[in-house]
Amino acid sequence: MSRALDMFMKKVSINETVRKTLNEVSKRSLREILAYMIRGEKDATSLYSFLHENLPEGYPGEIFKKFVKIEAEHDRKIMGIFRSLFPAEEPPEVPFKSWVEVLAEGDFRLRSVEDYLKALEIAMDAEQLSEGVYTMLAEMMEDSTQRHTMEELARDEREHYEFLKKEYDFYSKIEARKALDELVRGIKGR
């Protein structure tokens, strides 16, 4: 594991799934890691498109629309770096499950605050994973422009995570309040 990745994992509180995936990704070649991030950016674009298109009024759909554009730009940058390092190759398939597959397996729909919280959890995990991989890639890049691009992408992912965390905290409080109100009504109804 790279020194930068090790420092990242100590610095932030990440769940075990993200930690395991970061460890697995760190064992791959630069070519495979870049391919993984290309797919990851496409996944993030899909996730944020889903949220933008399916959130009811009152939720931050327009922010997710901005995230779609940012993630598409990330994809373009990563693909450009891949092409510059491996000009005659296509990104290989990578053996890691994508976040889109996780959502599809659960036949995921936004029907409740709880569903929104689950989507935010998935998005937060994806952003932390991306930040960690970009931090590792920055250390691997020999070209200073490419290194700077990776550092910039890591910062973008951190900003996305921070927004998602605030959303999660806000809507978690609403869900907790709702559960408490139901409990009180149940106690009074006895």
C-alpha atoms as a PDB file:
ATOM      1  CA  MET A   1       0.000   0.000   0.000  1.00  0.00           C
ATOM      2  CA  SER A   2       1.298   3.451  -0.830  1.00  0.00           C
ATOM      3  CA  ARG A   3       2.307   5.868   1.904  1.00  0.00           C
ATOM      4  CA  ALA A   4      -0.291   8.405   0.733  1.00  0.00           C
ATOM      5  CA  LEU A   5      -3.066   5.809   0.813  1.00  0.00           C
ATOM      6  CA  ASP A   6      -2.002   4.649   4.265  1.00  0.00           C
ATOM      7  CA  MET A   7      -2.074   8.253   5.540  1.00  0.00           C
ATOM      8  CA  PHE A   8      -5.490   8.815   3.906  1.00  0.00           C
ATOM      9  CA  MET A   9      -7.009   5.763   5.601  1.00  0.00           C
ATOM     10  CA  LYS A  10      -5.693   6.885   8.985  1.00  0.00           C
ATOM     11  CA  LYS A  11      -6.938  10.445   8.461  1.00  0.00           C
ATOM     12  CA  VAL A  12     -10.557   9.744   7.552  1.00  0.00           C
ATOM     13  CA  SER A  13     -13.153   7.504   9.074  1.00  0.00           C
ATOM     14  CA  ILE A  14     -14.072   5.009   6.371  1.00  0.00           C
ATOM     15  CA  ASN A  15     -16.176   1.892   6.511  1.00  0.00           C
ATOM     16  CA  GLU A  16     -14.720  -1.582   6.179  1.00  0.00           C
ATOM     17  CA  THR A  17     -16.004  -2.158   2.621  1.00  0.00           C
ATOM     18  CA  VAL A  18     -14.240   0.971   1.378  1.00  0.00           C
ATOM     19  CA  ARG A  19     -11.086   0.041   3.300  1.00  0.00           C
ATOM     20  CA  LYS A  20     -11.024  -3.473   1.780  1.00  0.00           C
ATOM     21  CA  THR A  21     -11.618  -2.139  -1.730  1.00  0.00           C
ATOM     22  CA  LEU A  22      -8.829   0.446  -1.324  1.00  0.00           C
ATOM     23  CA  ASN A  23      -6.469  -2.317  -0.196  1.00  0.00           C
ATOM     24  CA  GLU A  24      -7.412  -4.479  -3.196  1.00  0.00           C
ATOM     25  CA  VAL A  25      -7.145  -1.597  -5.666  1.00  0.00           C
ATOM     26  CA  SER A  26      -3.708  -0.657  -4.297  1.00  0.00           C
ATOM     27  CA  LYS A  27      -2.395  -4.089  -5.364  1.00  0.00           C
ATOM     28  CA  ARG A  28      -3.299  -3.500  -9.030  1.00  0.00           C
ATOM     29  CA  SER A  29      -1.221  -2.048 -11.833  1.00  0.00           C
ATOM     30  CA  LEU A  30      -1.460   1.635 -12.731  1.00  0.00           C
ATOM     31  CA  ARG A  31      -3.312   0.639 -15.898  1.00  0.00           C
ATOM     32  CA  GLU A  32      -5.936  -1.305 -13.927  1.00  0.00           C
ATOM     33  CA  ILE A  33      -6.310   1.409 -11.279  1.00  0.00           C
ATOM     34  CA  LEU A  34      -6.947   4.027 -13.945  1.00  0.00           C
ATOM     35  CA  ALA A  35      -9.455   1.703 -15.635  1.00  0.00           C
ATOM     36  CA  TYR A  36     -11.192   1.234 -12.292  1.00  0.00           C
ATOM     37  CA  MET A  37     -11.438   5.000 -11.828  1.00  0.00           C
ATOM     38  CA  ILE A  38     -12.774   5.489 -15.359  1.00  0.00           C
ATOM     39  CA  ARG A  39     -15.554   3.050 -14.533  1.00  0.00           C
ATOM     40  CA  GLY A  40     -15.996   4.675 -11.124  1.00  0.00           C
ATOM     41  CA  GLU A  41     -16.524   8.094 -12.657  1.00  0.00           C
ATOM     42  CA  LYS A  42     -19.109   6.672 -15.052  1.00  0.00           C
ATOM     43  CA  ASP A  43     -20.815   5.024 -12.062  1.00  0.00           C
ATOM     44  CA  ALA A  44     -20.797   8.308 -10.134  1.00  0.00           C
ATOM     45  CA  THR A  45     -22.303  10.102 -13.123  1.00  0.00           C
ATOM     46  CA  SER A  46     -25.059   7.472 -13.253  1.00  0.00           C
ATOM     47  CA  LEU A  47     -25.721   7.662  -9.505  1.00  0.00           C
ATOM     48  CA  TYR A  48     -25.952  11.454  -9.488  1.00  0.00           C
ATOM     49  CA  SER A  49     -28.132  11.410 -12.618  1.00  0.00           C
ATOM     50  CA  PHE A  50     -30.440   8.965 -10.825  1.00  0.00           C
ATOM     51  CA  LEU A  51     -30.636  11.229  -7.775  1.00  0.00           C
ATOM     52  CA  HIS A  52     -31.174  14.368  -9.880  1.00  0.00           C
ATOM     53  CA  GLU A  53     -33.948  12.750 -11.915  1.00  0.00           C
ATOM     54  CA  ASN A  54     -35.733  10.947  -9.056  1.00  0.00           C
ATOM     55  CA  LEU A  55     -35.623  13.249  -6.056  1.00  0.00           C
ATOM     56  CA  PRO A  56     -38.874  15.034  -5.253  1.00  0.00           C
ATOM     57  CA  GLU A  57     -39.024  18.798  -4.943  1.00  0.00           C
ATOM     58  CA  GLY A  58     -37.392  20.096  -1.799  1.00  0.00           C
ATOM     59  CA  TYR A  59     -34.353  17.892  -2.137  1.00  0.00           C
ATOM     60  CA  PRO A  60     -31.104  19.225  -3.657  1.00  0.00           C
ATOM     61  CA  GLY A  61     -31.638  17.871  -7.190  1.00  0.00           C
ATOM     62  CA  GLU A  62     -29.844  20.795  -8.835  1.00  0.00           C
ATOM     63  CA  ILE A  63     -26.692  20.125  -6.834  1.00  0.00           C
ATOM     64  CA  PHE A  64     -26.720  16.538  -8.062  1.00  0.00           C
ATOM     65  CA  LYS A  65     -27.115  17.895 -11.608  1.00  0.00           C
ATOM     66  CA  LYS A  66     -23.867  19.863 -11.051  1.00  0.00           C
ATOM     67  CA  PHE A  67     -22.225  16.703  -9.709  1.00  0.00           C
ATOM     68  CA  VAL A  68     -23.170  14.917 -12.955  1.00  0.00           C
ATOM     69  CA  LYS A  69     -21.220  17.504 -14.947  1.00  0.00           C
ATOM     70  CA  ILE A  70     -18.250  17.407 -12.564  1.00  0.00           C
ATOM     71  CA  GLU A  71     -18.073  13.602 -12.625  1.00  0.00           C
ATOM     72  CA  ALA A  72     -18.290  13.573 -16.438  1.00  0.00           C
ATOM     73  CA  GLU A  73     -15.343  15.995 -16.476  1.00  0.00           C
ATOM     74  CA  HIS A  74     -13.446  13.692 -14.099  1.00  0.00           C
ATOM     75  CA  ASP A  75     -14.078  10.820 -16.506  1.00  0.00           C
ATOM     76  CA  ARG A  76     -12.687  12.896 -19.368  1.00  0.00           C
ATOM     77  CA  LYS A  77      -9.549  13.804 -17.388  1.00  0.00           C
ATOM     78  CA  ILE A  78      -8.872  10.231 -16.262  1.00  0.00           C
ATOM     79  CA  MET A  79      -9.419   8.906 -19.770  1.00  0.00           C
ATOM     80  CA  GLY A  80      -6.988  11.544 -21.082  1.00  0.00           C
ATOM     81  CA  ILE A  81      -4.324  10.432 -18.611  1.00  0.00           C
ATOM     82  CA  PHE A  82      -4.981   6.779 -19.451  1.00  0.00           C
ATOM     83  CA  ARG A  83      -4.612   7.514 -23.184  1.00  0.00           C
ATOM     84  CA  SER A  84      -1.389   9.472 -22.627  1.00  0.00           C
ATOM     85  CA  LEU A  85       0.159   6.627 -20.599  1.00  0.00           C
ATOM     86  CA  PHE A  86      -1.266   3.722 -22.612  1.00  0.00           C
ATOM     87  CA  PRO A  87      -1.901   5.182 -26.099  1.00  0.00           C
ATOM     88  CA  ALA A  88      -2.586   1.932 -27.951  1.00  0.00           C
ATOM     89  CA  GLU A  89      -4.791   0.334 -25.293  1.00  0.00           C
ATOM     90  CA  GLU A  90      -8.367   0.352 -24.100  1.00  0.00           C
ATOM     91  CA  PRO A  91      -9.061   0.349 -20.360  1.00  0.00           C
ATOM     92  CA  PRO A  92      -9.259  -3.275 -19.192  1.00  0.00           C
ATOM     93  CA  GLU A  93     -12.180  -4.757 -17.287  1.00  0.00           C
ATOM     94  CA  VAL A  94     -11.584  -4.679 -13.554  1.00  0.00           C
ATOM     95  CA  PRO A  95     -12.904  -7.290 -11.116  1.00  0.00           C
ATOM     96  CA  PHE A  96     -14.532  -4.915  -8.631  1.00  0.00           C
ATOM     97  CA  LYS A  97     -18.274  -4.502  -8.183  1.00  0.00           C
ATOM     98  CA  SER A  98     -19.539  -1.111  -9.248  1.00  0.00           C
ATOM     99  CA  TRP A  99     -21.897   1.063  -7.236  1.00  0.00           C
ATOM    100  CA  VAL A 100     -24.379   0.932 -10.101  1.00  0.00           C
ATOM    101  CA  GLU A 101     -24.463  -2.874  -9.743  1.00  0.00           C
ATOM    102  CA  VAL A 102     -25.091  -2.500  -6.012  1.00  0.00           C
ATOM    103  CA  LEU A 103     -28.101  -0.270  -6.698  1.00  0.00           C
ATOM    104  CA  ALA A 104     -29.414  -2.528  -9.483  1.00  0.00           C
ATOM    105  CA  GLU A 105     -29.164  -5.657  -7.309  1.00  0.00           C
ATOM    106  CA  GLY A 106     -31.447  -4.057  -4.769  1.00  0.00           C
ATOM    107  CA  ASP A 107     -33.966  -2.842  -7.374  1.00  0.00           C
ATOM    108  CA  PHE A 108     -33.367   0.529  -5.768  1.00  0.00           C
ATOM    109  CA  ARG A 109     -36.020   3.249  -5.869  1.00  0.00           C
ATOM    110  CA  LEU A 110     -36.431   6.503  -3.992  1.00  0.00           C
ATOM    111  CA  ARG A 111     -39.683   6.046  -2.103  1.00  0.00           C
ATOM    112  CA  SER A 112     -38.764   7.359   1.328  1.00  0.00           C
ATOM    113  CA  VAL A 113     -36.263   9.347   3.362  1.00  0.00           C
ATOM    114  CA  GLU A 114     -34.765   5.982   4.311  1.00  0.00           C
ATOM    115  CA  ASP A 115     -34.172   5.207   0.610  1.00  0.00           C
ATOM    116  CA  TYR A 116     -32.532   8.607   0.153  1.00  0.00           C
ATOM    117  CA  LEU A 117     -30.294   7.931   3.160  1.00  0.00           C
ATOM    118  CA  LYS A 118     -29.228   4.600   1.630  1.00  0.00           C
ATOM    119  CA  ALA A 119     -28.392   6.325  -1.662  1.00  0.00           C
ATOM    120  CA  LEU A 120     -26.391   8.927   0.256  1.00  0.00           C
ATOM    121  CA  GLU A 121     -24.501   6.151   2.083  1.00  0.00           C
ATOM    122  CA  ILE A 122     -23.579   4.568  -1.234  1.00  0.00           C
ATOM    123  CA  ALA A 123     -22.533   7.925  -2.667  1.00  0.00           C
ATOM    124  CA  MET A 124     -20.450   8.752   0.438  1.00  0.00           C
ATOM    125  CA  ASP A 125     -18.670   5.397   0.195  1.00  0.00           C
ATOM    126  CA  ALA A 126     -18.008   5.980  -3.500  1.00  0.00           C
ATOM    127  CA  GLU A 127     -16.629   9.469  -2.859  1.00  0.00           C
ATOM    128  CA  GLN A 128     -14.347   8.279  -0.055  1.00  0.00           C
ATOM    129  CA  LEU A 129     -13.126   5.432  -2.229  1.00  0.00           C
ATOM    130  CA  SER A 130     -12.452   7.800  -5.115  1.00  0.00           C
ATOM    131  CA  GLU A 131     -10.631  10.259  -2.873  1.00  0.00           C
ATOM    132  CA  GLY A 132      -8.426   7.459  -1.567  1.00  0.00           C
ATOM    133  CA  VAL A 133      -7.604   6.109  -5.012  1.00  0.00           C
ATOM    134  CA  TYR A 134      -6.866   9.577  -6.413  1.00  0.00           C
ATOM    135  CA  THR A 135      -4.602  10.244  -3.425  1.00  0.00           C
ATOM    136  CA  MET A 136      -2.744   7.027  -4.217  1.00  0.00           C
ATOM    137  CA  LEU A 137      -2.601   7.842  -7.947  1.00  0.00           C
ATOM    138  CA  ALA A 138      -1.169  11.301  -7.215  1.00  0.00           C
ATOM    139  CA  GLU A 139       1.746   9.599  -5.505  1.00  0.00           C
ATOM    140  CA  MET A 140       2.211   7.232  -8.477  1.00  0.00           C
ATOM    141  CA  MET A 141       2.268   9.925 -11.178  1.00  0.00           C
ATOM    142  CA  GLU A 142       5.703  10.939 -12.406  1.00  0.00           C
ATOM    143  CA  ASP A 143       4.397  13.812 -14.518  1.00  0.00           C
ATOM    144  CA  SER A 144       3.700  16.882 -12.347  1.00  0.00           C
ATOM    145  CA  THR A 145       0.630  17.897 -14.391  1.00  0.00           C
ATOM    146  CA  GLN A 146      -0.887  14.438 -13.982  1.00  0.00           C
ATOM    147  CA  ARG A 147      -0.026  14.446 -10.280  1.00  0.00           C
ATOM    148  CA  HIS A 148      -1.711  17.845  -9.892  1.00  0.00           C
ATOM    149  CA  THR A 149      -4.795  16.547 -11.739  1.00  0.00           C
ATOM    150  CA  MET A 150      -5.041  13.597  -9.340  1.00  0.00           C
ATOM    151  CA  GLU A 151      -4.698  15.892  -6.330  1.00  0.00           C
ATOM    152  CA  GLU A 152      -7.423  18.139  -7.757  1.00  0.00           C
ATOM    153  CA  LEU A 153      -9.717  15.153  -8.329  1.00  0.00           C
ATOM    154  CA  ALA A 154      -9.122  13.960  -4.755  1.00  0.00           C
ATOM    155  CA  ARG A 155     -10.122  17.422  -3.467  1.00  0.00           C
ATOM    156  CA  ASP A 156     -13.275  17.391  -5.608  1.00  0.00           C
ATOM    157  CA  GLU A 157     -14.234  13.995  -4.215  1.00  0.00           C
ATOM    158  CA  ARG A 158     -13.655  15.262  -0.656  1.00  0.00           C
ATOM    159  CA  GLU A 159     -15.954  18.252  -1.333  1.00  0.00           C
ATOM    160  CA  HIS A 160     -18.636  15.928  -2.713  1.00  0.00           C
ATOM    161  CA  TYR A 161     -18.303  13.716   0.344  1.00  0.00           C
ATOM    162  CA  GLU A 162     -18.656  16.697   2.692  1.00  0.00           C
ATOM    163  CA  PHE A 163     -21.876  17.802   0.960  1.00  0.00           C
ATOM    164  CA  LEU A 164     -23.266  14.257   1.043  1.00  0.00           C
ATOM    165  CA  LYS A 165     -22.384  13.903   4.735  1.00  0.00           C
ATOM    166  CA  LYS A 166     -24.240  17.132   5.596  1.00  0.00           C
ATOM    167  CA  GLU A 167     -27.267  15.879   3.647  1.00  0.00           C
ATOM    168  CA  TYR A 168     -27.057  12.525   5.389  1.00  0.00           C
ATOM    169  CA  ASP A 169     -26.810  14.096   8.831  1.00  0.00           C
ATOM    170  CA  PHE A 170     -29.739  16.435   8.120  1.00  0.00           C
ATOM    171  CA  TYR A 171     -32.081  13.728   6.803  1.00  0.00           C
ATOM    172  CA  SER A 172     -30.975  11.236   9.480  1.00  0.00           C
ATOM    173  CA  LYS A 173     -32.229  13.696  12.099  1.00  0.00           C
ATOM    174  CA  ILE A 174     -35.563  13.942  10.292  1.00  0.00           C
ATOM    175  CA  GLU A 175     -35.846  10.150  10.152  1.00  0.00           C
ATOM    176  CA  ALA A 176     -34.885   9.843  13.843  1.00  0.00           C
ATOM    177  CA  ARG A 177     -37.473  12.478  14.781  1.00  0.00           C
ATOM    178  CA  LYS A 178     -40.121  10.601  12.799  1.00  0.00           C
ATOM    179  CA  ALA A 179     -39.245   7.337  14.594  1.00  0.00           C
ATOM    180  CA  LEU A 180     -39.382   9.076  17.974  1.00  0.00           C
ATOM    181  CA  ASP A 181     -42.793  10.598  17.164  1.00  0.00           C
ATOM    182  CA  GLU A 182     -44.085   7.136  16.179  1.00  0.00           C
ATOM    183  CA  LEU A 183     -42.755   5.672  19.421  1.00  0.00           C
ATOM    184  CA  VAL A 184     -44.419   8.388  21.489  1.00  0.00           C
ATOM    185  CA  ARG A 185     -47.732   7.879  19.648  1.00  0.00           C
ATOM    186  CA  GLY A 186     -47.435   4.149  20.285  1.00  0.00           C
ATOM    187  CA  ILE A 187     -46.806   4.652  24.000  1.00  0.00           C
ATOM    188  CA  LYS A 188     -49.704   7.114  24.300  1.00  0.00           C
ATOM    189  CA  GLY A 189     -51.986   4.745  22.415  1.00  0.00           C
ATOM    190  CA  ARG A 190     -51.534   1.910  24.911  1.00  0.00           C
END
